[in-house]
Amino acid sequence: MNLSGKVALVTGASRGIGRAIALEMAKSGANVAVNCLCADDDSHEMEKMLRATGRQVLVCCGDVADYKALESNVVEIVDAFGHLDIAVANAAYSAREPFCAAELTEFRRTLDVTMWGAFNLFRVAANQLIRQSSGGAILAVSSPHAFIAVPGAMAYNMAKAAVDQMARTAAVELAEHRIRVNILYPGWTDTPGERRFNNEEQIAAARQHLLWKRLARPEEIARAAVFLCDPTNDYISGSSLIVDGAQSLAHEWPTN
């Protein structure tokens, strides 16, 4: 896969899947801009890892739920690199508890970041790509939660289902501009975010219910993301790629 000469923006890139995607984009030849909520130890570590690839790197801070913040990020990216070619809507937030008892501030925050954050990135990136008139690729990092009603995760399930339909609609609307839009479904992936909800013992027990008997690694998800954004794959648009070790086909699904 070759992204030489391309500029990629990845949201929610401080750690986990977002960090892995940013790194894989850089290793594939892209100059990389990353969006982080704020400057912290995770973002500093991520920046150091990206710079070690030898690619040009720009770290932008801002809440993806804030449309103006993402607009400013894109302006900063174009000022620094001259253009934008790839945008990955990865940032997400998840508060998990039964919806009848859910703390509504957390419930709405899940929707604001996971759904509206993806929309904001799609819109600002699409408008920039349209202005450039040279095509491009936009990727939504979704989840099997979009089509599996995982209990205790209603807000996240709702948000990811909305992201799917948003991305499909964008694929149709942006086709005339030769902007490709695709959806990536990571399975249960070993990330710091998941370890907020599960300790090592719980993960060890749950993985026995997974067909592959292990969680996905972030770099496995990242390689799939680069594949979908690679300009060589020009005819892949409006597609969905599941990277979950066939778990979404199984009769059991861990309620992680």
C-alpha atoms as a PDB file:
ATOM      1  CA  MET A   1       0.000   0.000   0.000  1.00  0.00           C
ATOM      2  CA  ASN A   2       1.361   3.388  -0.979  1.00  0.00           C
ATOM      3  CA  LEU A   3       0.162   6.759   0.315  1.00  0.00           C
ATOM      4  CA  SER A   4       3.219   8.729  -0.815  1.00  0.00           C
ATOM      5  CA  GLY A   5       2.424  12.397  -1.391  1.00  0.00           C
ATOM      6  CA  LYS A   6      -0.879  12.166   0.470  1.00  0.00           C
ATOM      7  CA  VAL A   7      -1.922  14.098   3.564  1.00  0.00           C
ATOM      8  CA  ALA A   8      -4.094  12.215   6.035  1.00  0.00           C
ATOM      9  CA  LEU A   9      -6.105  13.480   9.011  1.00  0.00           C
ATOM     10  CA  VAL A  10      -7.065  11.032  11.771  1.00  0.00           C
ATOM     11  CA  THR A  11      -9.316  12.072  14.655  1.00  0.00           C
ATOM     12  CA  GLY A  12      -9.035  10.614  18.127  1.00  0.00           C
ATOM     13  CA  ALA A  13      -5.445   9.599  17.429  1.00  0.00           C
ATOM     14  CA  SER A  14      -3.836   9.885  20.867  1.00  0.00           C
ATOM     15  CA  ARG A  15      -4.031   6.150  21.494  1.00  0.00           C
ATOM     16  CA  GLY A  16      -5.692   2.895  20.518  1.00  0.00           C
ATOM     17  CA  ILE A  17      -7.029   2.370  17.013  1.00  0.00           C
ATOM     18  CA  GLY A  18      -6.618   6.036  16.046  1.00  0.00           C
ATOM     19  CA  ARG A  19      -2.935   6.035  16.953  1.00  0.00           C
ATOM     20  CA  ALA A  20      -2.393   2.778  15.058  1.00  0.00           C
ATOM     21  CA  ILE A  21      -4.122   4.158  11.945  1.00  0.00           C
ATOM     22  CA  ALA A  22      -2.046   7.351  12.041  1.00  0.00           C
ATOM     23  CA  LEU A  23       1.154   5.316  12.372  1.00  0.00           C
ATOM     24  CA  GLU A  24       0.213   2.954   9.545  1.00  0.00           C
ATOM     25  CA  MET A  25      -0.650   5.904   7.304  1.00  0.00           C
ATOM     26  CA  ALA A  26       2.777   7.409   8.007  1.00  0.00           C
ATOM     27  CA  LYS A  27       4.547   4.084   7.409  1.00  0.00           C
ATOM     28  CA  SER A  28       2.712   3.880   4.077  1.00  0.00           C
ATOM     29  CA  GLY A  29       4.159   7.244   3.019  1.00  0.00           C
ATOM     30  CA  ALA A  30       1.546   9.813   4.032  1.00  0.00           C
ATOM     31  CA  ASN A  31       2.210  13.013   5.909  1.00  0.00           C
ATOM     32  CA  VAL A  32      -0.107  12.843   8.883  1.00  0.00           C
ATOM     33  CA  ALA A  33      -2.191  15.330  10.823  1.00  0.00           C
ATOM     34  CA  VAL A  34      -3.799  14.051  13.986  1.00  0.00           C
ATOM     35  CA  ASN A  35      -6.645  15.462  16.033  1.00  0.00           C
ATOM     36  CA  CYS A  36      -6.460  15.028  19.811  1.00  0.00           C
ATOM     37  CA  LEU A  37      -8.806  16.380  22.434  1.00  0.00           C
ATOM     38  CA  CYS A  38      -5.906  18.013  24.269  1.00  0.00           C
ATOM     39  CA  ALA A  39      -2.149  17.908  24.681  1.00  0.00           C
ATOM     40  CA  ASP A  40      -1.314  15.217  27.241  1.00  0.00           C
ATOM     41  CA  ASP A  41       1.090  12.338  27.816  1.00  0.00           C
ATOM     42  CA  ASP A  42      -0.718  10.135  25.270  1.00  0.00           C
ATOM     43  CA  SER A  43      -0.636  12.763  22.530  1.00  0.00           C
ATOM     44  CA  HIS A  44       3.036  13.554  23.191  1.00  0.00           C
ATOM     45  CA  GLU A  45       3.936   9.865  22.986  1.00  0.00           C
ATOM     46  CA  MET A  46       1.916   9.485  19.790  1.00  0.00           C
ATOM     47  CA  GLU A  47       3.647  12.497  18.213  1.00  0.00           C
ATOM     48  CA  LYS A  48       7.073  11.080  19.060  1.00  0.00           C
ATOM     49  CA  MET A  49       6.155   7.732  17.449  1.00  0.00           C
ATOM     50  CA  LEU A  50       4.867   9.445  14.316  1.00  0.00           C
ATOM     51  CA  ARG A  51       7.953  11.632  13.932  1.00  0.00           C
ATOM     52  CA  ALA A  52      10.131   8.517  14.197  1.00  0.00           C
ATOM     53  CA  THR A  53       8.659   7.368  10.860  1.00  0.00           C
ATOM     54  CA  GLY A  54      10.347  10.297   9.112  1.00  0.00           C
ATOM     55  CA  ARG A  55       7.084  11.722   7.798  1.00  0.00           C
ATOM     56  CA  GLN A  56       5.840  15.275   8.364  1.00  0.00           C
ATOM     57  CA  VAL A  57       3.502  15.450  11.347  1.00  0.00           C
ATOM     58  CA  LEU A  58       1.004  18.014  12.633  1.00  0.00           C
ATOM     59  CA  VAL A  59      -0.814  17.632  15.939  1.00  0.00           C
ATOM     60  CA  CYS A  60      -4.101  19.543  16.200  1.00  0.00           C
ATOM     61  CA  CYS A  61      -6.088  19.842  19.416  1.00  0.00           C
ATOM     62  CA  GLY A  62      -9.834  20.247  19.660  1.00  0.00           C
ATOM     63  CA  ASP A  63     -13.095  18.541  20.561  1.00  0.00           C
ATOM     64  CA  VAL A  64     -14.567  16.791  17.505  1.00  0.00           C
ATOM     65  CA  ALA A  65     -18.025  17.583  18.859  1.00  0.00           C
ATOM     66  CA  ASP A  66     -17.202  21.255  18.173  1.00  0.00           C
ATOM     67  CA  TYR A  67     -17.653  21.914  14.446  1.00  0.00           C
ATOM     68  CA  LYS A  68     -15.626  25.132  14.543  1.00  0.00           C
ATOM     69  CA  ALA A  69     -12.712  23.321  16.169  1.00  0.00           C
ATOM     70  CA  LEU A  70     -12.525  20.824  13.319  1.00  0.00           C
ATOM     71  CA  GLU A  71     -12.849  23.615  10.764  1.00  0.00           C
ATOM     72  CA  SER A  72      -9.849  25.277  12.391  1.00  0.00           C
ATOM     73  CA  ASN A  73      -7.941  21.974  12.334  1.00  0.00           C
ATOM     74  CA  VAL A  74      -8.462  21.626   8.581  1.00  0.00           C
ATOM     75  CA  VAL A  75      -7.382  25.228   7.954  1.00  0.00           C
ATOM     76  CA  GLU A  76      -4.230  24.527   9.981  1.00  0.00           C
ATOM     77  CA  ILE A  77      -3.571  21.349   7.983  1.00  0.00           C
ATOM     78  CA  VAL A  78      -3.962  23.059   4.609  1.00  0.00           C
ATOM     79  CA  ASP A  79      -1.724  25.920   5.760  1.00  0.00           C
ATOM     80  CA  ALA A  80       0.934  23.405   6.795  1.00  0.00           C
ATOM     81  CA  PHE A  81       0.748  20.874   3.958  1.00  0.00           C
ATOM     82  CA  GLY A  82      -1.071  22.678   1.154  1.00  0.00           C
ATOM     83  CA  HIS A  83      -3.854  20.112   0.803  1.00  0.00           C
ATOM     84  CA  LEU A  84      -5.792  17.268   2.410  1.00  0.00           C
ATOM     85  CA  ASP A  85      -6.379  13.879   0.778  1.00  0.00           C
ATOM     86  CA  ILE A  86      -7.617  11.450   3.438  1.00  0.00           C
ATOM     87  CA  ALA A  87      -9.830  11.929   6.491  1.00  0.00           C
ATOM     88  CA  VAL A  88     -10.521   9.223   9.066  1.00  0.00           C
ATOM     89  CA  ALA A  89     -13.384   9.736  11.535  1.00  0.00           C
ATOM     90  CA  ASN A  90     -12.149   7.607  14.410  1.00  0.00           C
ATOM     91  CA  ALA A  91     -12.817   9.639  17.570  1.00  0.00           C
ATOM     92  CA  ALA A  92     -15.384   8.047  19.850  1.00  0.00           C
ATOM     93  CA  TYR A  93     -16.651   8.118  23.417  1.00  0.00           C
ATOM     94  CA  SER A  94     -18.672   5.497  25.218  1.00  0.00           C
ATOM     95  CA  ALA A  95     -20.465   5.480  28.557  1.00  0.00           C
ATOM     96  CA  ARG A  96     -22.014   2.092  29.267  1.00  0.00           C
ATOM     97  CA  GLU A  97     -24.966   1.447  31.526  1.00  0.00           C
ATOM     98  CA  PRO A  98     -28.616   0.394  31.030  1.00  0.00           C
ATOM     99  CA  PHE A  99     -30.465   3.214  29.286  1.00  0.00           C
ATOM    100  CA  CYS A 100     -33.238   3.490  31.898  1.00  0.00           C
ATOM    101  CA  ALA A 101     -30.655   4.363  34.544  1.00  0.00           C
ATOM    102  CA  ALA A 102     -28.098   6.082  32.303  1.00  0.00           C
ATOM    103  CA  GLU A 103     -26.613   9.388  33.379  1.00  0.00           C
ATOM    104  CA  LEU A 104     -27.888  11.581  30.555  1.00  0.00           C
ATOM    105  CA  THR A 105     -24.909  13.917  30.420  1.00  0.00           C
ATOM    106  CA  GLU A 106     -22.698  10.918  29.627  1.00  0.00           C
ATOM    107  CA  PHE A 107     -25.324   9.489  27.259  1.00  0.00           C
ATOM    108  CA  ARG A 108     -25.400  12.749  25.269  1.00  0.00           C
ATOM    109  CA  ARG A 109     -21.607  13.044  25.341  1.00  0.00           C
ATOM    110  CA  THR A 110     -21.398   9.614  23.689  1.00  0.00           C
ATOM    111  CA  LEU A 111     -23.672  10.843  20.899  1.00  0.00           C
ATOM    112  CA  ASP A 112     -21.909  14.221  20.618  1.00  0.00           C
ATOM    113  CA  VAL A 113     -18.456  12.709  20.133  1.00  0.00           C
ATOM    114  CA  THR A 114     -19.247   9.452  18.355  1.00  0.00           C
ATOM    115  CA  MET A 115     -22.031  10.595  16.022  1.00  0.00           C
ATOM    116  CA  TRP A 116     -21.742  14.378  15.697  1.00  0.00           C
ATOM    117  CA  GLY A 117     -17.954  14.219  15.820  1.00  0.00           C
ATOM    118  CA  ALA A 118     -17.960  11.892  12.818  1.00  0.00           C
ATOM    119  CA  PHE A 119     -20.432  14.130  10.988  1.00  0.00           C
ATOM    120  CA  ASN A 120     -18.345  17.216  11.697  1.00  0.00           C
ATOM    121  CA  LEU A 121     -15.209  15.559  10.341  1.00  0.00           C
ATOM    122  CA  PHE A 122     -17.048  14.296   7.258  1.00  0.00           C
ATOM    123  CA  ARG A 123     -18.457  17.724   6.487  1.00  0.00           C
ATOM    124  CA  VAL A 124     -15.310  19.810   6.957  1.00  0.00           C
ATOM    125  CA  ALA A 125     -13.152  17.267   5.133  1.00  0.00           C
ATOM    126  CA  ALA A 126     -15.615  16.841   2.258  1.00  0.00           C
ATOM    127  CA  ASN A 127     -15.859  20.597   1.732  1.00  0.00           C
ATOM    128  CA  GLN A 128     -12.076  20.881   1.617  1.00  0.00           C
ATOM    129  CA  LEU A 129     -11.781  17.963  -0.838  1.00  0.00           C
ATOM    130  CA  ILE A 130     -14.505  19.472  -3.041  1.00  0.00           C
ATOM    131  CA  ARG A 131     -12.628  22.785  -3.119  1.00  0.00           C
ATOM    132  CA  GLN A 132      -9.464  20.988  -4.187  1.00  0.00           C
ATOM    133  CA  SER A 133     -11.257  19.168  -7.048  1.00  0.00           C
ATOM    134  CA  SER A 134      -8.838  16.234  -6.874  1.00  0.00           C
ATOM    135  CA  GLY A 135     -10.892  13.507  -5.205  1.00  0.00           C
ATOM    136  CA  GLY A 136      -9.894  11.901  -1.958  1.00  0.00           C
ATOM    137  CA  ALA A 137     -10.980   9.354   0.630  1.00  0.00           C
ATOM    138  CA  ILE A 138     -13.044   9.584   3.802  1.00  0.00           C
ATOM    139  CA  LEU A 139     -13.301   6.677   6.220  1.00  0.00           C
ATOM    140  CA  ALA A 140     -15.711   6.105   9.091  1.00  0.00           C
ATOM    141  CA  VAL A 141     -14.428   3.834  11.839  1.00  0.00           C
ATOM    142  CA  SER A 142     -17.695   2.225  12.899  1.00  0.00           C
ATOM    143  CA  SER A 143     -18.334  -0.846  15.053  1.00  0.00           C
ATOM    144  CA  PRO A 144     -20.390  -4.051  15.147  1.00  0.00           C
ATOM    145  CA  HIS A 145     -22.377  -2.084  17.759  1.00  0.00           C
ATOM    146  CA  ALA A 146     -24.005  -0.464  14.706  1.00  0.00           C
ATOM    147  CA  PHE A 147     -25.894  -3.663  13.962  1.00  0.00           C
ATOM    148  CA  ILE A 148     -25.635  -5.717  17.187  1.00  0.00           C
ATOM    149  CA  ALA A 149     -27.773  -4.420  20.066  1.00  0.00           C
ATOM    150  CA  VAL A 150     -25.134  -4.807  22.775  1.00  0.00           C
ATOM    151  CA  PRO A 151     -26.906  -4.304  26.126  1.00  0.00           C
ATOM    152  CA  GLY A 152     -25.712  -1.488  28.327  1.00  0.00           C
ATOM    153  CA  ALA A 153     -24.398   0.457  25.347  1.00  0.00           C
ATOM    154  CA  MET A 154     -27.491   2.063  23.832  1.00  0.00           C
ATOM    155  CA  ALA A 155     -25.935   5.479  23.191  1.00  0.00           C
ATOM    156  CA  TYR A 156     -22.901   3.941  21.488  1.00  0.00           C
ATOM    157  CA  ASN A 157     -25.101   1.535  19.495  1.00  0.00           C
ATOM    158  CA  MET A 158     -27.269   4.447  18.340  1.00  0.00           C
ATOM    159  CA  ALA A 159     -24.285   6.594  17.432  1.00  0.00           C
ATOM    160  CA  LYS A 160     -22.535   3.927  15.383  1.00  0.00           C
ATOM    161  CA  ALA A 161     -25.742   2.993  13.540  1.00  0.00           C
ATOM    162  CA  ALA A 162     -26.166   6.668  12.613  1.00  0.00           C
ATOM    163  CA  VAL A 163     -22.544   6.897  11.467  1.00  0.00           C
ATOM    164  CA  ASP A 164     -23.109   3.975   9.100  1.00  0.00           C
ATOM    165  CA  GLN A 165     -26.061   5.587   7.364  1.00  0.00           C
ATOM    166  CA  MET A 166     -24.246   8.924   7.306  1.00  0.00           C
ATOM    167  CA  ALA A 167     -21.261   7.354   5.552  1.00  0.00           C
ATOM    168  CA  ARG A 168     -23.419   5.518   3.012  1.00  0.00           C
ATOM    169  CA  THR A 169     -25.277   8.716   2.170  1.00  0.00           C
ATOM    170  CA  ALA A 170     -22.009  10.608   1.857  1.00  0.00           C
ATOM    171  CA  ALA A 171     -20.655   7.947  -0.506  1.00  0.00           C
ATOM    172  CA  VAL A 172     -23.570   8.572  -2.858  1.00  0.00           C
ATOM    173  CA  GLU A 173     -23.535  12.365  -2.584  1.00  0.00           C
ATOM    174  CA  LEU A 174     -19.759  12.685  -3.018  1.00  0.00           C
ATOM    175  CA  ALA A 175     -19.350  10.255  -5.900  1.00  0.00           C
ATOM    176  CA  GLU A 176     -19.623  13.062  -8.463  1.00  0.00           C
ATOM    177  CA  HIS A 177     -16.561  14.642  -6.841  1.00  0.00           C
ATOM    178  CA  ARG A 178     -14.668  11.315  -6.948  1.00  0.00           C
ATOM    179  CA  ILE A 179     -14.451  11.335  -3.166  1.00  0.00           C
ATOM    180  CA  ARG A 180     -14.564   7.782  -1.896  1.00  0.00           C
ATOM    181  CA  VAL A 181     -16.337   7.013   1.391  1.00  0.00           C
ATOM    182  CA  ASN A 182     -16.091   3.692   3.196  1.00  0.00           C
ATOM    183  CA  ILE A 183     -16.851   2.116   6.570  1.00  0.00           C
ATOM    184  CA  LEU A 184     -14.511   0.033   8.719  1.00  0.00           C
ATOM    185  CA  TYR A 185     -15.864  -2.267  11.433  1.00  0.00           C
ATOM    186  CA  PRO A 186     -13.212  -3.233  13.990  1.00  0.00           C
ATOM    187  CA  GLY A 187     -14.130  -6.186  16.152  1.00  0.00           C
ATOM    188  CA  TRP A 188     -13.364  -6.235  19.854  1.00  0.00           C
ATOM    189  CA  THR A 189      -9.898  -4.649  19.894  1.00  0.00           C
ATOM    190  CA  ASP A 190      -7.337  -4.527  22.680  1.00  0.00           C
ATOM    191  CA  THR A 191      -7.183  -0.794  23.371  1.00  0.00           C
ATOM    192  CA  PRO A 192      -6.900   1.401  26.479  1.00  0.00           C
ATOM    193  CA  GLY A 193     -10.526   2.393  25.907  1.00  0.00           C
ATOM    194  CA  GLU A 194     -11.718  -1.198  26.233  1.00  0.00           C
ATOM    195  CA  ARG A 195      -9.694  -1.649  29.388  1.00  0.00           C
ATOM    196  CA  ARG A 196     -11.768   1.078  31.008  1.00  0.00           C
ATOM    197  CA  PHE A 197     -14.588  -1.456  31.103  1.00  0.00           C
ATOM    198  CA  ASN A 198     -12.770  -4.779  31.479  1.00  0.00           C
ATOM    199  CA  ASN A 199      -9.812  -5.909  33.557  1.00  0.00           C
ATOM    200  CA  GLU A 200      -7.339  -8.559  32.414  1.00  0.00           C
ATOM    201  CA  GLU A 201      -9.278 -11.380  34.080  1.00  0.00           C
ATOM    202  CA  GLN A 202     -12.544 -10.362  32.397  1.00  0.00           C
ATOM    203  CA  ILE A 203     -10.850 -10.076  29.000  1.00  0.00           C
ATOM    204  CA  ALA A 204      -9.211 -13.495  29.429  1.00  0.00           C
ATOM    205  CA  ALA A 205     -12.595 -15.039  30.197  1.00  0.00           C
ATOM    206  CA  ALA A 206     -14.421 -13.244  27.380  1.00  0.00           C
ATOM    207  CA  ARG A 207     -11.868 -14.129  24.705  1.00  0.00           C
ATOM    208  CA  GLN A 208     -12.830 -17.781  25.102  1.00  0.00           C
ATOM    209  CA  HIS A 209     -16.166 -16.860  23.498  1.00  0.00           C
ATOM    210  CA  LEU A 210     -14.438 -15.277  20.501  1.00  0.00           C
ATOM    211  CA  LEU A 211     -13.945 -17.468  17.463  1.00  0.00           C
ATOM    212  CA  TRP A 212     -10.315 -16.344  17.127  1.00  0.00           C
ATOM    213  CA  LYS A 213      -9.774 -16.739  20.885  1.00  0.00           C
ATOM    214  CA  ARG A 214      -8.190 -13.300  21.117  1.00  0.00           C
ATOM    215  CA  LEU A 215      -8.956  -9.628  20.690  1.00  0.00           C
ATOM    216  CA  ALA A 216      -7.924  -7.778  17.541  1.00  0.00           C
ATOM    217  CA  ARG A 217      -4.674  -5.830  17.637  1.00  0.00           C
ATOM    218  CA  PRO A 218      -4.898  -2.109  16.739  1.00  0.00           C
ATOM    219  CA  GLU A 219      -2.333  -2.522  13.949  1.00  0.00           C
ATOM    220  CA  GLU A 220      -4.573  -5.116  12.273  1.00  0.00           C
ATOM    221  CA  ILE A 221      -7.386  -2.588  12.138  1.00  0.00           C
ATOM    222  CA  ALA A 222      -4.965   0.079  10.928  1.00  0.00           C
ATOM    223  CA  ARG A 223      -3.822  -1.971   7.920  1.00  0.00           C
ATOM    224  CA  ALA A 224      -7.444  -2.353   6.849  1.00  0.00           C
ATOM    225  CA  ALA A 225      -7.936   1.416   7.163  1.00  0.00           C
ATOM    226  CA  VAL A 226      -4.953   2.121   4.908  1.00  0.00           C
ATOM    227  CA  PHE A 227      -6.246  -0.408   2.371  1.00  0.00           C
ATOM    228  CA  LEU A 228      -9.589   1.406   2.142  1.00  0.00           C
ATOM    229  CA  CYS A 229      -7.874   4.800   1.754  1.00  0.00           C
ATOM    230  CA  ASP A 230      -5.211   3.686  -0.742  1.00  0.00           C
ATOM    231  CA  PRO A 231      -5.853   5.561  -4.023  1.00  0.00           C
ATOM    232  CA  THR A 232      -5.050   2.369  -5.922  1.00  0.00           C
ATOM    233  CA  ASN A 233      -8.431   1.085  -4.731  1.00  0.00           C
ATOM    234  CA  ASP A 234     -10.284   3.790  -6.622  1.00  0.00           C
ATOM    235  CA  TYR A 235     -13.445   1.734  -7.242  1.00  0.00           C
ATOM    236  CA  ILE A 236     -14.010   0.881  -3.586  1.00  0.00           C
ATOM    237  CA  SER A 237     -16.587   3.343  -2.300  1.00  0.00           C
ATOM    238  CA  GLY A 238     -19.718   2.858  -0.237  1.00  0.00           C
ATOM    239  CA  SER A 239     -18.233  -0.384   1.067  1.00  0.00           C
ATOM    240  CA  SER A 240     -18.041  -1.871   4.550  1.00  0.00           C
ATOM    241  CA  LEU A 241     -15.106  -3.955   5.772  1.00  0.00           C
ATOM    242  CA  ILE A 242     -15.465  -6.050   8.928  1.00  0.00           C
ATOM    243  CA  VAL A 243     -12.249  -6.983  10.730  1.00  0.00           C
ATOM    244  CA  ASP A 244     -13.484  -9.073  13.639  1.00  0.00           C
ATOM    245  CA  GLY A 245     -12.320 -12.669  13.210  1.00  0.00           C
ATOM    246  CA  ALA A 246     -15.830 -13.616  12.001  1.00  0.00           C
ATOM    247  CA  GLN A 247     -17.289 -12.865  15.429  1.00  0.00           C
ATOM    248  CA  SER A 248     -20.275 -10.918  14.108  1.00  0.00           C
ATOM    249  CA  LEU A 249     -21.375 -14.132  12.376  1.00  0.00           C
ATOM    250  CA  ALA A 250     -21.266 -16.160  15.582  1.00  0.00           C
ATOM    251  CA  HIS A 251     -24.228 -17.025  17.754  1.00  0.00           C
ATOM    252  CA  GLU A 252     -22.591 -15.529  20.846  1.00  0.00           C
ATOM    253  CA  TRP A 253     -21.326 -11.976  21.327  1.00  0.00           C
ATOM    254  CA  PRO A 254     -19.457 -10.938  24.473  1.00  0.00           C
ATOM    255  CA  THR A 255     -21.253  -8.079  26.194  1.00  0.00           C
ATOM    256  CA  ASN A 256     -18.059  -6.101  26.668  1.00  0.00           C
END
